[in-house]
Amino acid sequence: MSRTERDRSGNTKIDGEMPYLGEDGVVKGLYGLADLYVERPGIVSKVKNDKRKTILKAQNLIMGDTIDGWLVKCKLLEKDMTHANVNDVEDYLFNYAER
């Protein structure tokens, strides 16, 4: 089971439900049902690398397109940049790709 795996209600499976204050005034449902979990090295790096690859793929799509294509992409992103400088349009798309 992954450390961040969640059930249908959004609670982490390994830790249990979110803490809440019961009717008797006692905190219930505390995190910490798991005393031990195995950290899998490389998972965090894999997630970061996948994100970097996605950003690079988006940037390559931007670079391979024409200026008219850039303007269409901006309109699809609800940003009208028909009268903007080409460098501003490119900068906007690269910043959007990084987000």
PDB file of N, CA and C in Angstrom:
ATOM      1  N   MET A   1       0.846  -1.178   0.000  1.00  0.00           N
ATOM      2  CA  MET A   1       0.000   0.000   0.000  1.00  0.00           C
ATOM      3  C   MET A   1       0.892   1.242   0.000  1.00  0.00           C
ATOM      4  N   SER A   2       0.530   2.210  -0.800  1.00  0.00           N
ATOM      5  CA  SER A   2       1.302   3.443  -0.882  1.00  0.00           C
ATOM      6  C   SER A   2       1.011   4.337   0.318  1.00  0.00           C
ATOM      7  N   ARG A   3       1.963   5.143   0.696  1.00  0.00           N
ATOM      8  CA  ARG A   3       1.809   6.053   1.833  1.00  0.00           C
ATOM      9  C   ARG A   3       0.701   7.064   1.583  1.00  0.00           C
ATOM     10  N   THR A   4       0.508   7.447   0.334  1.00  0.00           N
ATOM     11  CA  THR A   4      -0.476   8.478  -0.002  1.00  0.00           C
ATOM     12  C   THR A   4      -1.774   7.900  -0.554  1.00  0.00           C
ATOM     13  N   GLU A   5      -1.937   6.580  -0.549  1.00  0.00           N
ATOM     14  CA  GLU A   5      -3.148   5.960  -1.081  1.00  0.00           C
ATOM     15  C   GLU A   5      -4.351   6.324  -0.215  1.00  0.00           C
ATOM     16  N   ARG A   6      -5.465   6.661  -0.872  1.00  0.00           N
ATOM     17  CA  ARG A   6      -6.653   7.130  -0.146  1.00  0.00           C
ATOM     18  C   ARG A   6      -7.849   6.229  -0.434  1.00  0.00           C
ATOM     19  N   ASP A   7      -8.798   6.215   0.512  1.00  0.00           N
ATOM     20  CA  ASP A   7     -10.027   5.460   0.305  1.00  0.00           C
ATOM     21  C   ASP A   7     -11.055   6.345  -0.389  1.00  0.00           C
ATOM     22  N   ARG A   8     -12.291   5.851  -0.525  1.00  0.00           N
ATOM     23  CA  ARG A   8     -13.327   6.592  -1.253  1.00  0.00           C
ATOM     24  C   ARG A   8     -13.677   7.923  -0.614  1.00  0.00           C
ATOM     25  N   SER A   9     -13.574   8.025   0.690  1.00  0.00           N
ATOM     26  CA  SER A   9     -13.932   9.270   1.370  1.00  0.00           C
ATOM     27  C   SER A   9     -12.773  10.253   1.473  1.00  0.00           C
ATOM     28  N   GLY A  10     -11.610   9.903   0.921  1.00  0.00           N
ATOM     29  CA  GLY A  10     -10.479  10.830   0.892  1.00  0.00           C
ATOM     30  C   GLY A  10      -9.505  10.680   2.046  1.00  0.00           C
ATOM     31  N   ASN A  11      -9.754   9.745   2.942  1.00  0.00           N
ATOM     32  CA  ASN A  11      -8.833   9.522   4.056  1.00  0.00           C
ATOM     33  C   ASN A  11      -7.696   8.616   3.603  1.00  0.00           C
ATOM     34  N   THR A  12      -6.504   8.877   4.127  1.00  0.00           N
ATOM     35  CA  THR A  12      -5.393   8.010   3.756  1.00  0.00           C
ATOM     36  C   THR A  12      -5.604   6.644   4.385  1.00  0.00           C
ATOM     37  N   LYS A  13      -5.372   5.600   3.593  1.00  0.00           N
ATOM     38  CA  LYS A  13      -5.626   4.240   4.062  1.00  0.00           C
ATOM     39  C   LYS A  13      -4.684   3.840   5.180  1.00  0.00           C
ATOM     40  N   ILE A  14      -3.453   4.291   5.106  1.00  0.00           N
ATOM     41  CA  ILE A  14      -2.462   3.841   6.076  1.00  0.00           C
ATOM     42  C   ILE A  14      -2.609   4.571   7.414  1.00  0.00           C
ATOM     43  N   ASP A  15      -3.145   5.779   7.394  1.00  0.00           N
ATOM     44  CA  ASP A  15      -3.244   6.576   8.617  1.00  0.00           C
ATOM     45  C   ASP A  15      -4.642   6.614   9.215  1.00  0.00           C
ATOM     46  N   GLY A  16      -5.657   6.368   8.430  1.00  0.00           N
ATOM     47  CA  GLY A  16      -7.015   6.426   8.960  1.00  0.00           C
ATOM     48  C   GLY A  16      -7.693   7.743   8.641  1.00  0.00           C
ATOM     49  N   GLU A  17      -8.779   8.002   9.351  1.00  0.00           N
ATOM     50  CA  GLU A  17      -9.577   9.183   9.046  1.00  0.00           C
ATOM     51  C   GLU A  17      -9.015  10.439   9.716  1.00  0.00           C
ATOM     52  N   MET A  18      -9.505  11.571   9.270  1.00  0.00           N
ATOM     53  CA  MET A  18      -9.075  12.852   9.809  1.00  0.00           C
ATOM     54  C   MET A  18      -9.544  12.976  11.258  1.00  0.00           C
ATOM     55  N   PRO A  19      -8.754  13.632  12.103  1.00  0.00           N
ATOM     56  CA  PRO A  19      -9.192  13.817  13.491  1.00  0.00           C
ATOM     57  C   PRO A  19     -10.426  14.721  13.570  1.00  0.00           C
ATOM     58  N   TYR A  20     -11.296  14.408  14.516  1.00  0.00           N
ATOM     59  CA  TYR A  20     -12.484  15.228  14.727  1.00  0.00           C
ATOM     60  C   TYR A  20     -12.833  15.206  16.217  1.00  0.00           C
ATOM     61  N   LEU A  21     -13.608  16.189  16.632  1.00  0.00           N
ATOM     62  CA  LEU A  21     -13.998  16.308  18.032  1.00  0.00           C
ATOM     63  C   LEU A  21     -15.336  15.602  18.226  1.00  0.00           C
ATOM     64  N   GLY A  22     -15.337  14.584  19.067  1.00  0.00           N
ATOM     65  CA  GLY A  22     -16.552  13.819  19.321  1.00  0.00           C
ATOM     66  C   GLY A  22     -17.536  14.594  20.189  1.00  0.00           C
ATOM     67  N   GLU A  23     -18.735  14.035  20.355  1.00  0.00           N
ATOM     68  CA  GLU A  23     -19.776  14.691  21.146  1.00  0.00           C
ATOM     69  C   GLU A  23     -19.377  14.829  22.612  1.00  0.00           C
ATOM     70  N   ASP A  24     -18.513  13.917  23.066  1.00  0.00           N
ATOM     71  CA  ASP A  24     -18.071  13.966  24.460  1.00  0.00           C
ATOM     72  C   ASP A  24     -16.869  14.883  24.664  1.00  0.00           C
ATOM     73  N   GLY A  25     -16.447  15.578  23.606  1.00  0.00           N
ATOM     74  CA  GLY A  25     -15.338  16.513  23.717  1.00  0.00           C
ATOM     75  C   GLY A  25     -13.971  15.878  23.576  1.00  0.00           C
ATOM     76  N   VAL A  26     -13.925  14.596  23.228  1.00  0.00           N
ATOM     77  CA  VAL A  26     -12.664  13.884  23.069  1.00  0.00           C
ATOM     78  C   VAL A  26     -12.316  13.810  21.589  1.00  0.00           C
ATOM     79  N   VAL A  27     -11.051  14.060  21.282  1.00  0.00           N
ATOM     80  CA  VAL A  27     -10.594  13.987  19.898  1.00  0.00           C
ATOM     81  C   VAL A  27     -10.582  12.531  19.474  1.00  0.00           C
ATOM     82  N   LYS A  28     -11.209  12.247  18.333  1.00  0.00           N
ATOM     83  CA  LYS A  28     -11.296  10.879  17.825  1.00  0.00           C
ATOM     84  C   LYS A  28     -10.792  10.831  16.394  1.00  0.00           C
ATOM     85  N   GLY A  29     -10.508   9.603  15.941  1.00  0.00           N
ATOM     86  CA  GLY A  29     -10.080   9.415  14.558  1.00  0.00           C
ATOM     87  C   GLY A  29      -8.717   9.996  14.278  1.00  0.00           C
ATOM     88  N   LEU A  30      -7.839   9.958  15.254  1.00  0.00           N
ATOM     89  CA  LEU A  30      -6.511  10.537  15.066  1.00  0.00           C
ATOM     90  C   LEU A  30      -5.742   9.819  13.982  1.00  0.00           C
ATOM     91  N   TYR A  31      -4.959  10.579  13.262  1.00  0.00           N
ATOM     92  CA  TYR A  31      -4.007   9.964  12.344  1.00  0.00           C
ATOM     93  C   TYR A  31      -3.028   9.152  13.168  1.00  0.00           C
ATOM     94  N   GLY A  32      -2.444   8.169  12.568  1.00  0.00           N
ATOM     95  CA  GLY A  32      -1.411   7.427  13.246  1.00  0.00           C
ATOM     96  C   GLY A  32      -1.787   5.994  13.529  1.00  0.00           C
ATOM     97  N   LEU A  33      -2.710   5.417  12.769  1.00  0.00           N
ATOM     98  CA  LEU A  33      -3.043   4.011  12.945  1.00  0.00           C
ATOM     99  C   LEU A  33      -1.858   3.131  12.560  1.00  0.00           C
ATOM    100  N   ALA A  34      -1.028   3.633  11.650  1.00  0.00           N
ATOM    101  CA  ALA A  34       0.133   2.863  11.213  1.00  0.00           C
ATOM    102  C   ALA A  34       1.338   3.261  12.063  1.00  0.00           C
ATOM    103  N   ASP A  35       1.950   2.276  12.688  1.00  0.00           N
ATOM    104  CA  ASP A  35       3.161   2.536  13.459  1.00  0.00           C
ATOM    105  C   ASP A  35       4.399   2.489  12.576  1.00  0.00           C
ATOM    106  N   LEU A  36       4.296   1.796  11.467  1.00  0.00           N
ATOM    107  CA  LEU A  36       5.447   1.596  10.598  1.00  0.00           C
ATOM    108  C   LEU A  36       4.977   1.552   9.148  1.00  0.00           C
ATOM    109  N   TYR A  37       5.707   2.193   8.306  1.00  0.00           N
ATOM    110  CA  TYR A  37       5.453   2.056   6.877  1.00  0.00           C
ATOM    111  C   TYR A  37       6.783   2.038   6.159  1.00  0.00           C
ATOM    112  N   VAL A  38       6.814   1.416   5.001  1.00  0.00           N
ATOM    113  CA  VAL A  38       8.041   1.260   4.238  1.00  0.00           C
ATOM    114  C   VAL A  38       8.114   2.379   3.209  1.00  0.00           C
ATOM    115  N   GLU A  39       9.181   3.124   3.274  1.00  0.00           N
ATOM    116  CA  GLU A  39       9.406   4.191   2.299  1.00  0.00           C
ATOM    117  C   GLU A  39      10.021   3.557   1.058  1.00  0.00           C
ATOM    118  N   ARG A  40       9.427   3.806  -0.091  1.00  0.00           N
ATOM    119  CA  ARG A  40       9.944   3.242  -1.327  1.00  0.00           C
ATOM    120  C   ARG A  40      10.797   4.289  -2.029  1.00  0.00           C
ATOM    121  N   PRO A  41      12.110   4.117  -1.973  1.00  0.00           N
ATOM    122  CA  PRO A  41      12.977   5.118  -2.605  1.00  0.00           C
ATOM    123  C   PRO A  41      12.758   5.156  -4.113  1.00  0.00           C
ATOM    124  N   GLY A  42      12.842   6.338  -4.636  1.00  0.00           N
ATOM    125  CA  GLY A  42      12.677   6.518  -6.067  1.00  0.00           C
ATOM    126  C   GLY A  42      11.294   6.953  -6.483  1.00  0.00           C
ATOM    127  N   ILE A  43      10.294   6.779  -5.635  1.00  0.00           N
ATOM    128  CA  ILE A  43       8.921   7.150  -6.007  1.00  0.00           C
ATOM    129  C   ILE A  43       8.800   8.665  -6.146  1.00  0.00           C
ATOM    130  N   VAL A  44       9.364   9.400  -5.183  1.00  0.00           N
ATOM    131  CA  VAL A  44       9.291  10.860  -5.231  1.00  0.00           C
ATOM    132  C   VAL A  44      10.043  11.382  -6.453  1.00  0.00           C
ATOM    133  N   SER A  45      11.207  10.801  -6.717  1.00  0.00           N
ATOM    134  CA  SER A  45      11.984  11.213  -7.884  1.00  0.00           C
ATOM    135  C   SER A  45      11.247  10.894  -9.169  1.00  0.00           C
ATOM    136  N   LYS A  46      10.562   9.756  -9.220  1.00  0.00           N
ATOM    137  CA  LYS A  46       9.817   9.378 -10.418  1.00  0.00           C
ATOM    138  C   LYS A  46       8.693  10.381 -10.677  1.00  0.00           C
ATOM    139  N   VAL A  47       7.998  10.804  -9.630  1.00  0.00           N
ATOM    140  CA  VAL A  47       6.915  11.778  -9.789  1.00  0.00           C
ATOM    141  C   VAL A  47       7.471  13.099 -10.310  1.00  0.00           C
ATOM    142  N   LYS A  48       8.609  13.537  -9.735  1.00  0.00           N
ATOM    143  CA  LYS A  48       9.234  14.792 -10.198  1.00  0.00           C
ATOM    144  C   LYS A  48       9.675  14.681 -11.649  1.00  0.00           C
ATOM    145  N   ASN A  49      10.292  13.557 -12.008  1.00  0.00           N
ATOM    146  CA  ASN A  49      10.766  13.377 -13.377  1.00  0.00           C
ATOM    147  C   ASN A  49       9.607  13.311 -14.369  1.00  0.00           C
ATOM    148  N   ASP A  50       8.508  12.652 -13.983  1.00  0.00           N
ATOM    149  CA  ASP A  50       7.336  12.608 -14.860  1.00  0.00           C
ATOM    150  C   ASP A  50       6.770  14.007 -15.089  1.00  0.00           C
ATOM    151  N   LYS A  51       6.773  14.827 -14.032  1.00  0.00           N
ATOM    152  CA  LYS A  51       6.282  16.201 -14.176  1.00  0.00           C
ATOM    153  C   LYS A  51       7.203  16.995 -15.108  1.00  0.00           C
ATOM    154  N   ARG A  52       8.511  16.821 -14.933  1.00  0.00           N
ATOM    155  CA  ARG A  52       9.462  17.521 -15.809  1.00  0.00           C
ATOM    156  C   ARG A  52       9.286  17.103 -17.264  1.00  0.00           C
ATOM    157  N   LYS A  53       9.063  15.797 -17.497  1.00  0.00           N
ATOM    158  CA  LYS A  53       8.868  15.308 -18.862  1.00  0.00           C
ATOM    159  C   LYS A  53       7.606  15.892 -19.470  1.00  0.00           C
ATOM    160  N   THR A  54       6.548  16.019 -18.679  1.00  0.00           N
ATOM    161  CA  THR A  54       5.300  16.595 -19.174  1.00  0.00           C
ATOM    162  C   THR A  54       5.494  18.056 -19.549  1.00  0.00           C
ATOM    163  N   ILE A  55       6.232  18.790 -18.698  1.00  0.00           N
ATOM    164  CA  ILE A  55       6.507  20.205 -18.988  1.00  0.00           C
ATOM    165  C   ILE A  55       7.343  20.327 -20.256  1.00  0.00           C
ATOM    166  N   LEU A  56       8.360  19.472 -20.393  1.00  0.00           N
ATOM    167  CA  LEU A  56       9.220  19.514 -21.575  1.00  0.00           C
ATOM    168  C   LEU A  56       8.428  19.184 -22.834  1.00  0.00           C
ATOM    169  N   LYS A  57       7.515  18.216 -22.739  1.00  0.00           N
ATOM    170  CA  LYS A  57       6.690  17.856 -23.882  1.00  0.00           C
ATOM    171  C   LYS A  57       5.806  19.034 -24.293  1.00  0.00           C
ATOM    172  N   ALA A  58       5.242  19.737 -23.296  1.00  0.00           N
ATOM    173  CA  ALA A  58       4.404  20.909 -23.594  1.00  0.00           C
ATOM    174  C   ALA A  58       5.233  22.016 -24.235  1.00  0.00           C
ATOM    175  N   GLN A  59       6.458  22.230 -23.718  1.00  0.00           N
ATOM    176  CA  GLN A  59       7.321  23.256 -24.297  1.00  0.00           C
ATOM    177  C   GLN A  59       7.731  22.899 -25.725  1.00  0.00           C
ATOM    178  N   ASN A  60       7.973  21.622 -25.989  1.00  0.00           N
ATOM    179  CA  ASN A  60       8.307  21.206 -27.349  1.00  0.00           C
ATOM    180  C   ASN A  60       7.142  21.426 -28.302  1.00  0.00           C
ATOM    181  N   LEU A  61       5.911  21.216 -27.826  1.00  0.00           N
ATOM    182  CA  LEU A  61       4.743  21.484 -28.662  1.00  0.00           C
ATOM    183  C   LEU A  61       4.624  22.972 -28.966  1.00  0.00           C
ATOM    184  N   ILE A  62       4.964  23.804 -27.997  1.00  0.00           N
ATOM    185  CA  ILE A  62       4.937  25.248 -28.216  1.00  0.00           C
ATOM    186  C   ILE A  62       5.994  25.642 -29.247  1.00  0.00           C
ATOM    187  N   MET A  63       7.193  25.121 -29.090  1.00  0.00           N
ATOM    188  CA  MET A  63       8.286  25.478 -29.998  1.00  0.00           C
ATOM    189  C   MET A  63       8.035  24.985 -31.421  1.00  0.00           C
ATOM    190  N   GLY A  64       7.328  23.895 -31.580  1.00  0.00           N
ATOM    191  CA  GLY A  64       7.084  23.344 -32.904  1.00  0.00           C
ATOM    192  C   GLY A  64       5.906  23.970 -33.618  1.00  0.00           C
ATOM    193  N   ASP A  65       5.231  24.908 -32.983  1.00  0.00           N
ATOM    194  CA  ASP A  65       4.045  25.517 -33.568  1.00  0.00           C
ATOM    195  C   ASP A  65       4.376  26.874 -34.173  1.00  0.00           C
ATOM    196  N   THR A  66       3.471  27.376 -34.990  1.00  0.00           N
ATOM    197  CA  THR A  66       3.642  28.697 -35.602  1.00  0.00           C
ATOM    198  C   THR A  66       3.087  29.772 -34.673  1.00  0.00           C
ATOM    199  N   ILE A  67       3.310  31.010 -35.037  1.00  0.00           N
ATOM    200  CA  ILE A  67       2.797  32.131 -34.248  1.00  0.00           C
ATOM    201  C   ILE A  67       1.265  32.109 -34.238  1.00  0.00           C
ATOM    202  N   ASP A  68       0.676  31.774 -35.383  1.00  0.00           N
ATOM    203  CA  ASP A  68      -0.790  31.677 -35.437  1.00  0.00           C
ATOM    204  C   ASP A  68      -1.293  30.576 -34.511  1.00  0.00           C
ATOM    205  N   GLY A  69      -0.570  29.491 -34.441  1.00  0.00           N
ATOM    206  CA  GLY A  69      -0.924  28.409 -33.522  1.00  0.00           C
ATOM    207  C   GLY A  69      -0.830  28.848 -32.071  1.00  0.00           C
ATOM    208  N   TRP A  70       0.171  29.666 -31.775  1.00  0.00           N
ATOM    209  CA  TRP A  70       0.319  30.207 -30.411  1.00  0.00           C
ATOM    210  C   TRP A  70      -0.901  31.044 -30.038  1.00  0.00           C
ATOM    211  N   LEU A  71      -1.340  31.883 -30.992  1.00  0.00           N
ATOM    212  CA  LEU A  71      -2.484  32.743 -30.719  1.00  0.00           C
ATOM    213  C   LEU A  71      -3.760  31.923 -30.507  1.00  0.00           C
ATOM    214  N   VAL A  72      -3.905  30.834 -31.257  1.00  0.00           N
ATOM    215  CA  VAL A  72      -5.056  29.957 -31.071  1.00  0.00           C
ATOM    216  C   VAL A  72      -4.999  29.306 -29.689  1.00  0.00           C
ATOM    217  N   LYS A  73      -3.804  28.863 -29.283  1.00  0.00           N
ATOM    218  CA  LYS A  73      -3.639  28.262 -27.958  1.00  0.00           C
ATOM    219  C   LYS A  73      -3.994  29.268 -26.857  1.00  0.00           C
ATOM    220  N   CYS A  74      -3.562  30.517 -27.043  1.00  0.00           N
ATOM    221  CA  CYS A  74      -3.887  31.546 -26.052  1.00  0.00           C
ATOM    222  C   CYS A  74      -5.394  31.771 -25.975  1.00  0.00           C
ATOM    223  N   LYS A  75      -6.058  31.770 -27.118  1.00  0.00           N
ATOM    224  CA  LYS A  75      -7.512  31.948 -27.113  1.00  0.00           C
ATOM    225  C   LYS A  75      -8.194  30.775 -26.423  1.00  0.00           C
ATOM    226  N   LEU A  76      -7.671  29.559 -26.638  1.00  0.00           N
ATOM    227  CA  LEU A  76      -8.240  28.393 -25.957  1.00  0.00           C
ATOM    228  C   LEU A  76      -8.043  28.480 -24.451  1.00  0.00           C
ATOM    229  N   LEU A  77      -6.986  29.164 -24.036  1.00  0.00           N
ATOM    230  CA  LEU A  77      -6.730  29.375 -22.611  1.00  0.00           C
ATOM    231  C   LEU A  77      -7.409  30.640 -22.097  1.00  0.00           C
ATOM    232  N   GLU A  78      -8.328  31.181 -22.913  1.00  0.00           N
ATOM    233  CA  GLU A  78      -9.122  32.365 -22.574  1.00  0.00           C
ATOM    234  C   GLU A  78      -8.266  33.602 -22.354  1.00  0.00           C
ATOM    235  N   LYS A  79      -7.246  33.761 -23.188  1.00  0.00           N
ATOM    236  CA  LYS A  79      -6.373  34.933 -23.137  1.00  0.00           C
ATOM    237  C   LYS A  79      -6.215  35.426 -24.572  1.00  0.00           C
ATOM    238  N   ASP A  80      -6.784  36.587 -24.874  1.00  0.00           N
ATOM    239  CA  ASP A  80      -6.685  37.151 -26.211  1.00  0.00           C
ATOM    240  C   ASP A  80      -5.393  37.957 -26.314  1.00  0.00           C
ATOM    241  N   MET A  81      -4.459  37.460 -27.108  1.00  0.00           N
ATOM    242  CA  MET A  81      -3.161  38.130 -27.259  1.00  0.00           C
ATOM    243  C   MET A  81      -2.884  38.450 -28.731  1.00  0.00           C
ATOM    244  N   THR A  82      -3.955  38.769 -29.482  1.00  0.00           N
ATOM    245  CA  THR A  82      -3.787  39.011 -30.911  1.00  0.00           C
ATOM    246  C   THR A  82      -2.921  40.233 -31.196  1.00  0.00           C
ATOM    247  N   HIS A  83      -2.912  41.215 -30.311  1.00  0.00           N
ATOM    248  CA  HIS A  83      -2.132  42.425 -30.544  1.00  0.00           C
ATOM    249  C   HIS A  83      -0.888  42.483 -29.664  1.00  0.00           C
ATOM    250  N   ALA A  84      -0.543  41.377 -29.017  1.00  0.00           N
ATOM    251  CA  ALA A  84       0.628  41.350 -28.133  1.00  0.00           C
ATOM    252  C   ALA A  84       1.884  41.039 -28.938  1.00  0.00           C
ATOM    253  N   ASN A  85       3.006  41.380 -28.349  1.00  0.00           N
ATOM    254  CA  ASN A  85       4.300  41.069 -28.939  1.00  0.00           C
ATOM    255  C   ASN A  85       4.477  39.554 -28.970  1.00  0.00           C
ATOM    256  N   VAL A  86       5.171  39.059 -29.990  1.00  0.00           N
ATOM    257  CA  VAL A  86       5.387  37.619 -30.152  1.00  0.00           C
ATOM    258  C   VAL A  86       6.122  37.047 -28.938  1.00  0.00           C
ATOM    259  N   ASN A  87       7.093  37.781 -28.413  1.00  0.00           N
ATOM    260  CA  ASN A  87       7.844  37.303 -27.249  1.00  0.00           C
ATOM    261  C   ASN A  87       6.963  37.210 -26.006  1.00  0.00           C
ATOM    262  N   ASP A  88       6.001  38.126 -25.880  1.00  0.00           N
ATOM    263  CA  ASP A  88       5.075  38.061 -24.752  1.00  0.00           C
ATOM    264  C   ASP A  88       4.160  36.842 -24.850  1.00  0.00           C
ATOM    265  N   VAL A  89       3.737  36.535 -26.078  1.00  0.00           N
ATOM    266  CA  VAL A  89       2.878  35.367 -26.296  1.00  0.00           C
ATOM    267  C   VAL A  89       3.649  34.093 -25.943  1.00  0.00           C
ATOM    268  N   GLU A  90       4.876  34.011 -26.421  1.00  0.00           N
ATOM    269  CA  GLU A  90       5.712  32.836 -26.145  1.00  0.00           C
ATOM    270  C   GLU A  90       5.981  32.702 -24.643  1.00  0.00           C
ATOM    271  N   ASP A  91       6.261  33.818 -23.985  1.00  0.00           N
ATOM    272  CA  ASP A  91       6.511  33.802 -22.543  1.00  0.00           C
ATOM    273  C   ASP A  91       5.270  33.340 -21.784  1.00  0.00           C
ATOM    274  N   TYR A  92       4.099  33.823 -22.188  1.00  0.00           N
ATOM    275  CA  TYR A  92       2.855  33.410 -21.532  1.00  0.00           C
ATOM    276  C   TYR A  92       2.651  31.900 -21.658  1.00  0.00           C
ATOM    277  N   LEU A  93       2.864  31.373 -22.859  1.00  0.00           N
ATOM    278  CA  LEU A  93       2.655  29.938 -23.072  1.00  0.00           C
ATOM    279  C   LEU A  93       3.663  29.096 -22.299  1.00  0.00           C
ATOM    280  N   PHE A  94       4.927  29.537 -22.249  1.00  0.00           N
ATOM    281  CA  PHE A  94       5.927  28.790 -21.477  1.00  0.00           C
ATOM    282  C   PHE A  94       5.608  28.811 -19.984  1.00  0.00           C
ATOM    283  N   ASN A  95       5.184  29.964 -19.491  1.00  0.00           N
ATOM    284  CA  ASN A  95       4.802  30.032 -18.066  1.00  0.00           C
ATOM    285  C   ASN A  95       3.596  29.145 -17.777  1.00  0.00           C
ATOM    286  N   TYR A  96       2.652  29.107 -18.696  1.00  0.00           N
ATOM    287  CA  TYR A  96       1.484  28.253 -18.511  1.00  0.00           C
ATOM    288  C   TYR A  96       1.893  26.780 -18.525  1.00  0.00           C
ATOM    289  N   ALA A  97       2.816  26.433 -19.406  1.00  0.00           N
ATOM    290  CA  ALA A  97       3.289  25.041 -19.486  1.00  0.00           C
ATOM    291  C   ALA A  97       3.995  24.631 -18.198  1.00  0.00           C
ATOM    292  N   GLU A  98       4.724  25.541 -17.589  1.00  0.00           N
ATOM    293  CA  GLU A  98       5.426  25.223 -16.351  1.00  0.00           C
ATOM    294  C   GLU A  98       4.470  25.049 -15.173  1.00  0.00           C
ATOM    295  N   ARG A  99       3.349  25.744 -15.221  1.00  0.00           N
ATOM    296  CA  ARG A  99       2.367  25.582 -14.143  1.00  0.00           C
ATOM    297  C   ARG A  99       1.658  24.271 -14.288  1.00  0.00           C
TER     298      ARG A  99
END
